[in-house]
Protein backbone atom coordinates (compact mmCIF):
# COMPACT_ATOMS: atom_id res chain seq x y z
CA MET A 1 -24.22 7.24 -1.47
CA ILE A 2 -23.92 5.60 -4.86
CA GLU A 3 -26.21 6.56 -7.52
CA GLY A 4 -27.74 3.61 -9.34
CA ALA A 5 -30.06 3.50 -12.30
CA THR A 6 -33.29 3.42 -10.12
CA GLY A 7 -31.94 5.73 -7.40
CA PRO A 8 -29.50 6.23 -4.51
CA TRP A 9 -27.90 3.26 -2.69
CA GLU A 10 -26.13 3.18 0.64
CA ALA A 11 -23.00 1.14 1.47
CA VAL A 12 -22.80 -0.71 4.68
CA ILE A 13 -19.23 -1.70 5.42
CA GLY A 14 -17.42 -3.51 8.35
CA LEU A 15 -13.74 -4.26 8.26
CA GLU A 16 -11.85 -7.12 10.06
CA VAL A 17 -8.22 -6.31 10.20
CA HIS A 18 -5.55 -8.82 10.94
CA ALA A 19 -2.66 -7.21 12.68
CA GLN A 20 0.43 -9.22 13.35
CA VAL A 21 1.84 -8.67 16.89
CA VAL A 22 5.47 -7.15 16.84
CA SER A 23 6.71 -10.28 18.80
CA LYS A 24 9.94 -12.21 18.01
CA ALA A 25 8.14 -15.57 19.07
CA LYS A 26 4.74 -17.10 18.14
CA LEU A 27 1.50 -16.80 20.18
CA PHE A 28 1.89 -20.39 21.63
CA SER A 29 5.41 -21.43 20.96
CA GLY A 30 9.03 -19.97 21.09
CA ALA A 31 9.53 -20.39 17.33
CA ALA A 32 11.10 -17.19 15.43
CA THR A 33 8.70 -14.91 13.38
CA ASP A 34 11.19 -13.31 11.13
CA PHE A 35 9.99 -12.22 7.70
CA GLY A 36 11.59 -13.72 4.68
CA ALA A 37 13.22 -16.72 6.38
CA GLU A 38 13.75 -20.02 4.27
CA PRO A 39 10.37 -22.04 4.01
CA ASN A 40 9.58 -24.25 7.23
CA SER A 41 12.74 -23.15 8.93
CA GLN A 42 10.80 -21.42 11.87
CA VAL A 43 8.40 -24.20 12.84
CA SER A 44 8.32 -25.81 16.36
CA LEU A 45 6.62 -29.10 17.15
CA VAL A 46 3.59 -26.99 18.62
CA ASP A 47 3.27 -25.07 15.15
CA ALA A 48 3.43 -28.46 13.28
CA ALA A 49 0.93 -30.07 15.64
CA PHE A 50 2.81 -33.07 16.62
CA PRO A 51 0.83 -35.38 19.05
CA GLY A 52 1.18 -34.48 22.78
CA MET A 53 2.40 -30.86 22.07
CA LEU A 54 0.88 -28.27 24.38
CA PRO A 55 0.66 -24.43 23.64
CA VAL A 56 2.07 -22.05 26.19
CA ILE A 57 0.66 -18.54 26.04
CA ASN A 58 3.21 -15.68 25.16
CA ARG A 59 2.71 -12.98 27.79
CA PHE A 60 4.23 -10.33 25.42
CA CYS A 61 1.65 -10.88 22.90
CA VAL A 62 -1.09 -10.52 25.48
CA GLU A 63 0.41 -7.23 26.65
CA LEU A 64 0.43 -5.87 23.17
CA ALA A 65 -2.98 -6.88 22.49
CA VAL A 66 -4.17 -5.06 25.81
CA LYS A 67 -2.21 -1.95 24.81
CA THR A 68 -3.97 -2.07 21.46
CA GLY A 69 -7.38 -2.10 23.21
CA LEU A 70 -6.39 0.77 25.37
CA GLY A 71 -5.20 2.74 22.30
CA LEU A 72 -8.85 2.23 20.89
CA GLU A 73 -10.41 3.43 24.16
CA ALA A 74 -11.82 -0.12 24.47
CA GLU A 75 -12.99 -2.32 27.23
CA ILE A 76 -10.19 -4.60 28.55
CA ARG A 77 -11.76 -7.93 29.77
CA LEU A 78 -10.10 -9.30 32.76
CA GLU A 79 -11.07 -12.85 32.01
CA SER A 80 -11.04 -14.10 28.44
CA VAL A 81 -11.17 -17.58 26.96
CA PHE A 82 -9.40 -19.17 23.77
CA ASP A 83 -11.46 -21.35 21.45
CA ARG A 84 -10.74 -23.90 18.70
CA LYS A 85 -12.06 -22.71 15.41
CA ASN A 86 -12.35 -25.70 13.36
CA TYR A 87 -11.57 -25.86 9.56
CA PHE A 88 -9.49 -27.82 7.59
CA TYR A 89 -6.71 -26.76 4.95
CA PRO A 90 -3.16 -28.06 4.23
CA ASP A 91 -1.56 -25.14 5.87
CA LEU A 92 -3.45 -25.76 9.37
CA PRO A 93 -1.76 -28.82 10.48
CA PRO A 94 -4.01 -29.42 13.69
CA GLY A 95 -7.21 -28.84 11.68
CA TYR A 96 -8.24 -25.94 14.06
CA GLN A 97 -7.05 -22.46 14.89
CA ILE A 98 -6.57 -21.33 18.38
CA SER A 99 -8.54 -18.11 18.68
CA GLN A 100 -11.08 -16.27 20.64
CA TYR A 101 -14.90 -15.82 19.93
CA GLN A 102 -17.33 -14.90 22.67
CA GLN A 103 -15.17 -13.85 25.43
CA PRO A 104 -12.26 -11.91 23.53
CA VAL A 105 -9.50 -10.10 25.67
CA VAL A 106 -10.73 -6.58 24.24
CA GLY A 107 -14.15 -5.71 23.98
CA ARG A 108 -16.10 -2.62 22.45
CA GLY A 109 -14.01 0.59 21.67
CA LYS A 110 -13.99 3.31 19.11
CA LEU A 111 -11.76 5.13 16.47
CA THR A 112 -12.42 8.59 15.12
CA LEU A 113 -12.09 9.65 11.60
CA ASP A 114 -11.15 13.22 10.46
CA MET A 115 -13.46 13.66 7.34
CA SER A 116 -12.36 15.76 4.21
CA ASP A 117 -15.24 18.33 5.06
CA GLY A 118 -13.87 18.98 8.42
CA THR A 119 -16.51 16.84 10.29
CA VAL A 120 -15.53 13.79 12.33
CA ARG A 121 -17.06 10.25 12.29
CA GLU A 122 -16.95 7.73 15.09
CA ILE A 123 -16.61 4.25 14.06
CA GLY A 124 -17.28 1.55 16.45
CA ILE A 125 -14.83 -1.37 17.33
CA THR A 126 -16.69 -4.49 18.02
CA ARG A 127 -13.64 -6.50 19.60
CA VAL A 128 -9.94 -7.21 19.36
CA HIS A 129 -9.03 -10.79 19.77
CA LEU A 130 -5.89 -12.77 19.74
CA GLU A 131 -5.52 -15.75 17.51
CA GLN A 132 -2.78 -17.72 15.73
CA ASP A 133 -2.09 -17.36 12.09
CA ALA A 134 -2.14 -20.23 9.69
CA GLY A 135 0.62 -21.30 7.26
CA LYS A 136 0.91 -20.40 3.65
CA SER A 137 -0.05 -22.71 0.63
CA LEU A 138 2.20 -22.05 -2.39
CA HIS A 139 0.65 -22.72 -5.74
CA ASP A 140 3.27 -21.29 -8.07
CA GLN A 141 6.24 -23.30 -7.29
CA HIS A 142 5.50 -26.57 -9.29
CA PRO A 143 3.25 -27.23 -12.38
CA SER A 144 1.22 -29.83 -10.77
CA LEU A 145 1.87 -29.72 -6.84
CA SER A 146 1.25 -27.28 -4.19
CA TYR A 147 3.80 -26.73 -1.43
CA VAL A 148 3.05 -25.71 2.18
CA ASP A 149 5.20 -23.21 4.20
CA LEU A 150 4.39 -23.31 7.96
CA ASN A 151 6.68 -20.25 9.05
CA ARG A 152 3.59 -18.27 9.74
CA ALA A 153 1.68 -20.97 11.35
CA GLY A 154 1.32 -19.79 15.04
CA ILE A 155 2.28 -16.27 14.54
CA ALA A 156 0.28 -13.90 16.89
CA LEU A 157 -2.60 -11.84 15.22
CA MET A 158 -4.86 -9.46 16.68
CA GLU A 159 -8.18 -9.46 14.83
CA ILE A 160 -9.71 -5.95 15.14
CA VAL A 161 -13.30 -6.01 14.11
CA SER A 162 -15.36 -2.90 13.45
CA GLU A 163 -18.98 -2.38 13.54
CA PRO A 164 -20.78 -1.92 10.27
CA ASP A 165 -20.47 1.88 10.58
CA LEU A 166 -18.40 2.56 7.29
CA ARG A 167 -20.58 4.15 4.53
CA SER A 168 -17.94 4.42 1.59
CA ALA A 169 -14.49 3.28 0.13
CA GLU A 170 -13.24 6.56 1.35
CA GLU A 171 -14.22 6.11 4.80
CA ALA A 172 -12.84 2.47 4.76
CA GLY A 173 -9.44 4.10 3.56
CA LEU A 174 -9.48 6.65 6.28
CA TYR A 175 -10.27 4.07 8.76
CA LEU A 176 -7.50 1.69 7.75
CA ARG A 177 -4.88 4.53 7.56
CA LYS A 178 -5.98 5.85 11.14
CA LEU A 179 -5.69 2.33 12.71
CA ARG A 180 -2.43 1.61 11.17
CA SER A 181 -1.05 4.92 12.48
CA ILE A 182 -2.48 4.19 16.18
CA LEU A 183 -0.96 0.72 15.79
CA ARG A 184 2.43 2.18 14.91
CA TYR A 185 2.42 4.77 17.79
CA LEU A 186 1.68 2.15 20.24
CA GLY A 187 4.37 -0.18 18.77
CA THR A 188 1.98 -3.22 18.71
CA CYS A 189 2.15 -3.82 14.98
CA ASP A 190 4.50 -2.49 12.23
CA GLY A 191 1.60 -2.10 9.91
CA ASN A 192 3.60 -3.45 6.97
CA MET A 193 0.89 -4.40 4.39
CA GLU A 194 3.46 -5.61 1.66
CA GLU A 195 4.93 -8.15 4.00
CA GLY A 196 1.34 -9.27 5.33
CA SER A 197 1.78 -7.70 8.85
CA LEU A 198 -1.56 -5.96 8.20
CA ARG A 199 -4.37 -7.74 6.20
CA CYS A 200 -7.98 -6.72 5.81
CA ASP A 201 -11.18 -8.53 5.20
CA CYS A 202 -14.06 -6.26 3.96
CA ASN A 203 -17.73 -7.15 4.64
CA VAL A 204 -20.04 -5.14 2.05
CA SER A 205 -23.68 -4.97 1.46
CA MET A 206 -25.93 -2.44 -0.19
CA ARG A 207 -29.32 -0.97 0.97
CA ARG A 208 -31.73 1.73 0.15
CA PRO A 209 -31.23 4.66 2.60
CA GLY A 210 -32.93 4.02 5.79
CA GLU A 211 -33.66 0.38 5.13
CA PRO A 212 -32.51 -2.59 7.18
CA TYR A 213 -29.11 -4.11 6.39
CA GLY A 214 -28.83 -6.25 3.06
CA THR A 215 -27.03 -9.52 2.50
CA ARG A 216 -23.09 -9.09 2.84
CA CYS A 217 -20.40 -10.43 0.97
CA GLU A 218 -16.86 -10.82 2.44
CA ILE A 219 -13.72 -9.84 0.44
CA LYS A 220 -10.78 -11.79 1.89
CA ASN A 221 -7.10 -10.86 2.39
CA LEU A 222 -6.58 -7.51 1.01
CA ASN A 223 -2.96 -6.26 1.56
CA SER A 224 -3.21 -2.43 0.54
CA VAL A 225 -5.41 0.39 1.38
CA ARG A 226 -5.91 1.21 -2.22
CA TYR A 227 -6.99 -2.40 -2.94
CA VAL A 228 -9.47 -2.37 -0.09
CA MET A 229 -10.90 0.99 -1.66
CA GLN A 230 -10.91 -0.50 -5.18
CA ALA A 231 -12.56 -3.86 -3.83
CA ILE A 232 -15.27 -2.00 -2.14
CA GLU A 233 -16.09 0.21 -5.07
CA TYR A 234 -16.38 -2.58 -7.33
CA GLU A 235 -18.29 -4.79 -5.03
CA GLY A 236 -20.83 -2.26 -4.32
CA ARG A 237 -21.59 -1.69 -7.93
CA ARG A 238 -21.74 -5.49 -8.60
CA GLN A 239 -24.44 -5.77 -5.94
CA ILE A 240 -26.43 -2.75 -6.97
CA GLU A 241 -26.54 -4.09 -10.66
CA ILE A 242 -27.85 -7.46 -9.26
CA LEU A 243 -30.40 -5.84 -6.97
CA GLU A 244 -31.60 -3.38 -9.50
CA LYS A 245 -32.32 -6.35 -11.98
CA GLY A 246 -34.45 -7.96 -9.22
CA GLY A 247 -31.88 -10.45 -8.21
CA ALA A 248 -30.78 -11.57 -4.74
CA ILE A 249 -27.28 -11.25 -3.20
CA GLU A 250 -25.72 -14.52 -2.31
CA GLN A 251 -23.89 -14.43 1.12
CA GLN A 252 -20.50 -15.50 0.02
CA THR A 253 -16.69 -15.25 0.45
CA ARG A 254 -14.78 -13.37 -2.72
CA LEU A 255 -11.43 -12.63 -3.41
CA PHE A 256 -10.24 -9.27 -5.14
CA ASP A 257 -8.52 -9.73 -8.44
CA VAL A 258 -5.98 -7.12 -8.37
CA ALA A 259 -5.07 -7.34 -12.25
CA ARG A 260 -8.65 -7.08 -13.43
CA GLY A 261 -9.85 -4.85 -10.57
CA ILE A 262 -12.88 -7.25 -9.90
CA THR A 263 -14.18 -9.44 -7.07
CA ARG A 264 -14.74 -13.21 -7.88
CA SER A 265 -16.43 -15.86 -5.87
CA MET A 266 -14.35 -17.99 -3.61
CA ARG A 267 -16.94 -20.02 -1.48
CA SER A 268 -20.08 -19.66 0.14
CA LYS A 269 -19.96 -17.61 3.26
CA GLU A 270 -19.22 -19.53 6.39
CA GLU A 271 -21.17 -18.90 9.67
CA ALA A 272 -19.89 -19.10 13.17
CA HIS A 273 -21.58 -22.38 13.78
CA ASP A 274 -19.72 -24.00 10.71
CA TYR A 275 -16.64 -23.43 12.64
CA ARG A 276 -17.87 -25.49 15.63
CA TYR A 277 -16.18 -23.13 18.13
CA PHE A 278 -15.39 -24.60 21.61
CA PRO A 279 -13.11 -23.67 24.26
CA ASP A 280 -9.45 -24.91 23.96
CA PRO A 281 -9.12 -27.62 26.51
CA ASP A 282 -5.32 -27.21 26.69
CA LEU A 283 -5.52 -23.68 27.80
CA LEU A 284 -6.92 -22.15 31.12
CA PRO A 285 -8.99 -19.04 30.91
CA LEU A 286 -6.68 -15.81 30.58
CA VAL A 287 -7.05 -13.70 33.80
CA LEU A 288 -5.41 -10.26 33.91
CA ASP A 289 -4.41 -8.40 37.00
CA PRO A 290 -6.19 -4.96 37.14
CA GLY A 291 -2.97 -3.44 38.45
CA TRP A 292 -1.14 -4.58 35.64
CA VAL A 293 -3.66 -3.18 33.09
CA ALA A 294 -3.71 0.15 34.97
CA ARG A 295 0.21 0.33 34.58
CA LEU A 296 0.03 -0.41 30.87
CA ARG A 297 -2.62 2.57 30.51
CA ALA A 298 -0.31 4.89 32.46
CA GLU A 299 2.65 3.88 29.96
CA LEU A 300 0.70 4.63 26.76
CA PRO A 301 2.31 7.21 24.43
CA GLU A 302 0.76 10.36 23.18
CA LEU A 303 -1.48 8.99 20.44
CA PRO A 304 -2.33 10.73 17.10
CA ASP A 305 -5.58 12.67 18.08
CA ALA A 306 -3.86 13.93 21.34
CA LYS A 307 -0.71 14.96 19.33
CA LYS A 308 -2.65 16.66 16.61
CA ALA A 309 -4.63 18.70 19.15
CA ARG A 310 -1.23 19.69 20.88
CA PHE A 311 0.38 20.81 17.58
CA VAL A 312 -2.59 23.08 16.90
CA SER A 313 -2.39 24.68 20.36
CA GLN A 314 1.34 24.64 20.92
CA TYR A 315 2.51 25.38 17.45
CA GLY A 316 -0.17 27.42 15.97
CA LEU A 317 -0.54 24.94 12.99
CA SER A 318 -3.97 24.47 11.19
CA PRO A 319 -5.73 21.29 12.09
CA ASP A 320 -5.09 20.03 8.32
CA ASP A 321 -1.31 20.56 8.65
CA ALA A 322 -1.29 19.07 12.25
CA GLY A 323 -3.17 16.01 10.88
CA VAL A 324 -0.61 15.48 8.13
CA LEU A 325 2.45 15.76 10.52
CA VAL A 326 1.05 13.26 13.15
CA ALA A 327 -0.21 10.58 10.68
CA GLU A 328 3.35 8.81 11.21
CA LYS A 329 5.05 8.82 14.53
CA GLU A 330 8.49 9.25 12.96
CA THR A 331 7.08 12.55 11.00
CA ALA A 332 5.89 13.95 14.27
CA LEU A 333 9.04 13.37 16.00
CA PHE A 334 10.97 14.92 12.96
CA PHE A 335 8.90 18.04 12.90
CA GLU A 336 9.39 18.63 16.73
CA ARG A 337 13.07 18.33 16.38
CA VAL A 338 13.08 20.94 13.48
CA ALA A 339 10.48 23.23 15.06
CA THR A 340 12.11 23.52 18.61
CA GLY A 341 13.15 27.10 18.94
CA ARG A 342 12.19 28.07 15.36
CA ASP A 343 9.05 29.08 13.49
CA PRO A 344 6.96 26.16 13.57
CA LYS A 345 4.92 27.12 10.42
CA ALA A 346 8.27 27.20 8.54
CA ALA A 347 9.26 23.90 9.74
CA ALA A 348 5.84 22.49 8.58
CA HIS A 349 5.99 24.31 5.37
CA TRP A 350 9.55 22.90 4.61
CA ILE A 351 8.65 19.25 5.66
CA MET A 352 5.28 18.96 3.87
CA GLY A 353 6.62 20.66 0.74
CA ASP A 354 10.30 20.14 -0.23
CA LEU A 355 11.32 17.21 2.16
CA PHE A 356 8.12 15.17 1.26
CA GLY A 357 8.67 15.76 -2.33
CA ALA A 358 12.11 14.44 -2.16
CA LEU A 359 11.14 11.44 -0.07
CA ASN A 360 8.44 10.59 -2.64
CA ARG A 361 10.91 10.72 -5.54
CA PHE A 362 13.19 8.31 -3.70
CA GLY A 363 10.31 6.01 -2.50
CA ILE A 364 11.49 6.29 1.22
CA GLY A 365 10.16 7.02 4.60
CA ILE A 366 11.17 10.21 6.52
CA GLU A 367 13.21 7.75 8.83
CA ALA A 368 15.61 7.17 5.77
CA SER A 369 15.58 10.97 4.97
CA PRO A 370 18.78 12.17 3.38
CA VAL A 371 18.45 15.68 5.22
CA SER A 372 18.31 15.39 8.94
CA ALA A 373 15.99 17.29 11.22
CA GLU A 374 19.17 19.19 12.50
CA GLN A 375 20.29 19.90 8.90
CA LEU A 376 16.83 21.28 7.82
CA GLY A 377 16.65 23.46 11.07
CA ALA A 378 20.06 24.91 10.30
CA LEU A 379 18.48 25.68 6.58
CA ILE A 380 15.78 27.51 8.30
CA ASP A 381 17.90 29.47 10.57
CA LEU A 382 19.93 30.58 7.41
CA ILE A 383 16.78 31.99 6.15
CA ALA A 384 15.76 33.61 9.33
CA ASP A 385 19.03 35.41 9.84
CA GLY A 386 19.14 36.72 6.26
CA THR A 387 21.87 34.65 5.05
CA LEU A 388 19.61 33.03 2.43
CA SER A 389 16.60 34.04 0.38
CA SER A 390 13.74 31.65 0.19
CA ARG A 391 14.76 31.15 -3.50
CA LEU A 392 18.31 30.41 -2.67
CA ALA A 393 17.35 28.12 0.20
CA LYS A 394 15.77 25.97 -2.35
CA ASP A 395 18.88 25.40 -4.26
CA VAL A 396 20.71 24.60 -1.16
CA PHE A 397 18.11 21.96 0.04
CA ALA A 398 18.54 20.38 -3.47
CA GLU A 399 22.28 20.20 -2.76
CA MET A 400 21.63 18.83 0.81
CA VAL A 401 19.42 16.01 -0.71
CA ALA A 402 22.07 15.14 -3.27
CA THR A 403 25.04 15.25 -1.22
CA ARG A 404 23.78 14.91 2.66
CA ALA A 405 25.96 18.08 3.27
CA HIS A 406 25.31 20.83 6.11
CA PRO A 407 23.80 23.80 4.53
CA ALA A 408 26.32 26.20 5.97
CA SER A 409 29.15 24.44 4.25
CA ILE A 410 27.08 24.47 0.95
CA VAL A 411 26.55 28.10 1.34
CA GLU A 412 30.26 28.71 1.50
CA ALA A 413 31.49 26.19 -1.11
CA LYS A 414 29.01 27.55 -3.64
CA GLY A 415 29.06 31.29 -2.73
CA LEU A 416 25.38 31.28 -2.28
CA ARG A 417 25.17 33.95 0.46
CA GLN A 418 22.31 36.43 -0.08
CA VAL A 419 23.29 39.85 -1.19
CA THR A 420 22.05 42.50 1.35
CA ASP A 421 24.28 45.30 0.49
CA GLN A 422 22.05 48.17 -0.52
CA GLY A 423 24.84 49.95 -2.64
CA GLU A 424 25.42 46.84 -4.46
CA ILE A 425 21.79 46.16 -5.25
CA ALA A 426 21.32 49.73 -6.21
CA ALA A 427 24.12 49.44 -8.69
CA ALA A 428 22.65 46.46 -10.23
CA ILE A 429 19.28 48.13 -10.42
CA ASP A 430 20.89 51.21 -12.32
CA ALA A 431 22.48 48.78 -14.67
CA VAL A 432 19.39 46.98 -15.75
CA LEU A 433 17.50 50.19 -16.13
CA ALA A 434 20.22 51.51 -18.21
CA ALA A 435 20.48 48.64 -20.48
CA ASN A 436 16.57 48.43 -20.95
CA SER A 437 16.11 52.33 -21.24
CA ASP A 438 13.37 51.77 -23.71
CA LYS A 439 11.26 49.49 -21.45
CA PHE A 440 12.13 51.98 -18.58
CA ALA A 441 10.38 54.67 -20.81
CA GLU A 442 7.60 52.59 -21.40
CA TYR A 443 6.92 51.65 -17.71
CA ARG A 444 6.85 55.35 -17.03
CA ALA A 445 4.44 55.87 -19.75
CA GLY A 446 2.13 53.43 -17.90
CA ARG A 447 3.15 50.02 -18.74
CA ASP A 448 3.04 48.70 -15.14
CA LYS A 449 3.36 45.17 -15.98
CA LEU A 450 7.11 45.69 -16.88
CA TYR A 451 7.80 45.82 -13.21
CA GLY A 452 8.10 42.11 -13.12
CA PHE A 453 10.44 42.18 -16.00
CA PHE A 454 12.90 44.63 -14.21
CA VAL A 455 12.88 42.49 -10.91
CA GLY A 456 13.64 39.23 -13.13
CA GLN A 457 16.56 41.23 -14.79
CA ILE A 458 17.88 42.42 -11.52
CA MET A 459 17.76 38.80 -9.74
CA ARG A 460 19.47 37.38 -12.96
CA ALA A 461 22.19 40.06 -12.75
CA THR A 462 23.01 38.98 -9.14
CA ALA A 463 22.81 35.43 -9.77
CA GLY A 464 19.62 35.11 -7.89
CA LYS A 465 21.43 36.34 -4.78
CA ALA A 466 19.80 39.71 -4.20
CA ASN A 467 17.54 40.05 -1.15
CA PRO A 468 14.01 40.25 -2.81
CA ALA A 469 12.78 42.48 -0.41
CA LEU A 470 15.36 45.01 -0.75
CA VAL A 471 15.21 44.68 -4.57
CA ASN A 472 11.37 45.69 -4.43
CA ARG A 473 11.99 48.46 -2.20
CA LEU A 474 14.91 50.19 -3.93
CA LEU A 475 13.44 49.46 -7.42
CA LYS A 476 10.23 51.17 -6.48
CA GLU A 477 12.18 54.24 -5.20
CA LYS A 478 14.01 54.30 -8.41
CA LEU A 479 11.18 53.91 -10.61
CA ALA A 480 9.28 56.74 -8.58
CA GLN A 481 12.02 59.39 -9.19
């Protein structure tokens, strides 16, 4: 709920996510799809809409769309139809986009969100349809001219359309992160929003709680989760201000101005009839073999929700910790490599704490981690067998990050092995108490807070290498005498 000047308002949000299919060829041509290629260097005669050129469907793109539908627990339609969606821009050479409308390849499905309060929200998926991307107009290359790059023209997209079930910017962010995670687990889209592999259009309207849906505005082409959330927040406030002043919302398409953090009008909102959809006469209906679909279903990987449930039951992790570890497939794999044969909670602690901290500092993902799963496992082993204390282990870990060296070699080279000899620790305790006889007398007189001082002095005297448990036991015995 958003509190306005005249009472509470409820946001109604639906997302249209355009996910680029992980394919080396385009949806209807054999042109390459490499990111960052020279402008107009990956354009076939089909993509450029030369006369007489006919589209040919890419079977692999259909396969990945079906896998995506299966991963979203959606209906797979054994017969679907490609349509022509007519509109006119310089970066769309034929004047139409080959897409799907009334008969998409994937029908209704669902996506489950884990909310911050421990509850779950089920968000409906309306459909997933295949379509070809348009090219790109470039307006910043020349002071008076616009250029067109057709490298993206014809690239296969899956448009994943949600029901208007989302009620806040927070829920929209959770939805996008969960959807991206599922796509990455399936291997159907790399989810790279910076490169445009995943883009989002947001439909936002406001209403009083319990009232019918209001007039919606669509915010186009958002390429980060943060921008999606910011755009929804601003647009909701903008609409509330208009409605509370007695105005009406105009249905329109808007853009999000990143620099100013506002949405601004782009054009009046098109309806389906404005695109004059009709079946593409060059493409027969797409008919799928039920046996082929069944085989794809059987080959699906373990997806985030199932993996999270297994991590809780198999490894004894909390649902929150398991949720963090399964959010990315590479992180889940890394965790299982570290946890095998070891304390899984210790593995989770080191990954979510020190390792994530290091990765964030360097701005890299776990697949580029300077510390391998095998090395982190070896560090945990050194703690378990008493070679290292937890404090010394942090020093060793920092050195592992800096040098990529094995923890055992760092321990030997720097002499960081934990002191567990009771005689050596007892001697250090005696020396500290003798050097601080005044404080020793104060402690015995009732100043119990000095205990921490003695522990610190003993650890300093042993260069932090003394076993903390032994220090505490022997110190307590000495102080009690």
